Amino acid sequence: MTTFHAVVWMDHSQAHVLMFDKEHVEAQRVKARQQHTPKHGHVGADKDFFKAIAVSLEGVSEVLLTGPANAKIEFRDWCKHNAHAVDKAVVDVVNTDHPSDPQLVAMARQYFLKFDQK
């Protein structure tokens, strides 16, 4: 399927990658390997996780990154150095809670209207 848009909802443990065109939606889930640090107990950035997300976005023209925490920003920063095509495709980073996949696609379709009307 040729898609022009994608929305990625992510936190540090998983990513929902939803690629879509006017009629179709293709969904992928990418799971992270948890990296807990003994001192702090928080999850660190998983470079394999970021790479898998970037690979799933190959060929997409416009990407909207969403999610509740910093993972989306860390991914965008990782792309600047490691996945230049994805970095160029990222149009925005938006904070969201935990929408369902249909809610996420509806939000992204509305967001991308301004790009589709050019």
Protein backbone atom coordinates (compact mmCIF):
# COMPACT_ATOMS: atom_id res chain seq x y z
CA MET A 1 0.00 0.00 0.00
CA THR A 2 1.32 3.43 -0.91
CA THR A 3 0.69 5.84 1.93
CA PHE A 4 1.53 9.47 2.29
CA HIS A 5 0.81 9.99 5.98
CA ALA A 6 1.64 8.24 9.23
CA VAL A 7 0.87 8.91 12.84
CA VAL A 8 2.99 7.31 15.53
CA TRP A 9 1.78 7.08 19.11
CA MET A 10 4.65 6.05 21.32
CA ASP A 11 5.94 5.78 24.82
CA HIS A 12 9.14 4.09 25.97
CA SER A 13 7.67 0.57 25.79
CA GLN A 14 5.76 0.49 22.49
CA ALA A 15 4.82 2.35 19.35
CA HIS A 16 1.61 2.24 17.33
CA VAL A 17 2.54 3.09 13.75
CA LEU A 18 -0.53 3.89 11.66
CA MET A 19 0.04 4.60 7.98
CA PHE A 20 -2.91 5.74 5.94
CA ASP A 21 -4.25 7.24 2.77
CA LYS A 22 -7.79 8.42 1.98
CA GLU A 23 -9.27 4.92 2.09
CA HIS A 24 -6.90 2.57 3.93
CA VAL A 25 -5.15 2.24 7.27
CA GLU A 26 -2.22 -0.07 7.92
CA ALA A 27 -1.24 -0.60 11.55
CA GLN A 28 1.98 -1.91 13.06
CA ARG A 29 3.03 -2.32 16.67
CA VAL A 30 6.65 -2.08 17.67
CA LYS A 31 7.70 -3.25 21.14
CA ALA A 32 10.78 -2.00 22.96
CA ARG A 33 13.17 -4.03 24.98
CA GLN A 34 12.89 -2.62 28.48
CA GLN A 35 16.11 -1.10 29.76
CA HIS A 36 15.84 -0.49 33.47
CA THR A 37 18.70 1.17 35.22
CA PRO A 38 19.27 -0.25 38.70
CA LYS A 39 19.77 3.15 40.36
CA HIS A 40 16.85 5.03 38.91
CA GLY A 41 14.43 2.33 37.72
CA HIS A 42 13.43 4.23 34.57
CA VAL A 43 13.47 3.14 30.99
CA GLY A 44 16.31 4.36 28.79
CA ALA A 45 16.17 4.99 25.08
CA ASP A 46 16.28 1.73 23.13
CA LYS A 47 18.13 2.37 19.86
CA ASP A 48 16.86 -0.90 18.33
CA PHE A 49 13.32 0.24 19.16
CA PHE A 50 13.89 3.57 17.41
CA LYS A 51 15.46 1.84 14.41
CA ALA A 52 12.46 -0.52 14.06
CA ILE A 53 10.08 2.46 14.13
CA ALA A 54 12.16 4.29 11.51
CA VAL A 55 12.20 1.23 9.24
CA SER A 56 8.41 0.96 9.50
CA LEU A 57 8.13 4.59 8.31
CA GLU A 58 10.30 4.23 5.19
CA GLY A 59 8.63 5.82 2.20
CA VAL A 60 6.07 7.83 4.16
CA SER A 61 6.00 11.51 3.17
CA GLU A 62 4.60 13.06 6.35
CA VAL A 63 4.78 11.77 9.90
CA LEU A 64 3.05 13.06 13.02
CA LEU A 65 4.63 11.90 16.30
CA THR A 66 2.37 11.66 19.34
CA GLY A 67 2.42 10.26 22.83
CA PRO A 68 2.24 11.10 26.52
CA ALA A 69 5.92 11.42 27.46
CA ASN A 70 9.39 12.20 26.08
CA ALA A 71 9.85 9.12 23.89
CA LYS A 72 8.52 10.93 20.82
CA ILE A 73 11.03 13.76 21.30
CA GLU A 74 13.88 11.32 21.89
CA PHE A 75 12.87 9.47 18.71
CA ARG A 76 12.78 12.70 16.69
CA ASP A 77 16.25 13.62 18.00
CA TRP A 78 17.54 10.11 17.19
CA CYS A 79 16.18 10.44 13.64
CA LYS A 80 18.12 13.68 13.11
CA HIS A 81 21.35 11.69 13.43
CA ASN A 82 20.35 8.21 12.28
CA ALA A 83 17.30 8.28 10.00
CA HIS A 84 17.46 11.43 7.89
CA ALA A 85 14.53 10.55 5.60
CA VAL A 86 12.24 10.02 8.60
CA ASP A 87 13.55 13.22 10.20
CA LYS A 88 12.60 15.17 7.07
CA ALA A 89 9.14 13.54 7.06
CA VAL A 90 8.32 14.48 10.67
CA VAL A 91 5.98 17.47 10.48
CA ASP A 92 5.12 17.85 14.15
CA VAL A 93 5.30 16.39 17.65
CA VAL A 94 2.02 16.47 19.62
CA ASN A 95 1.27 15.48 23.20
CA THR A 96 -1.57 12.98 23.52
CA ASP A 97 -2.78 10.70 26.26
CA HIS A 98 -3.78 7.15 25.23
CA PRO A 99 -6.25 7.38 22.31
CA SER A 100 -7.51 4.27 20.56
CA ASP A 101 -6.10 3.60 17.10
CA PRO A 102 -9.31 4.82 15.38
CA GLN A 103 -9.21 8.03 17.47
CA LEU A 104 -5.56 8.49 16.57
CA VAL A 105 -6.21 8.08 12.84
CA ALA A 106 -9.16 10.50 13.03
CA MET A 107 -6.98 13.08 14.79
CA ALA A 108 -4.19 12.62 12.24
CA ARG A 109 -6.56 12.84 9.27
CA GLN A 110 -7.80 16.17 10.65
CA TYR A 111 -4.22 17.34 11.26
CA PHE A 112 -3.07 16.44 7.74
CA LEU A 113 -5.96 18.26 6.02
CA LYS A 114 -3.80 21.38 5.85
CA PHE A 115 -1.12 19.42 3.95
CA ASP A 116 -3.61 17.73 1.62
CA GLN A 117 -5.15 21.04 0.57
CA LYS A 118 -1.88 22.44 -0.83
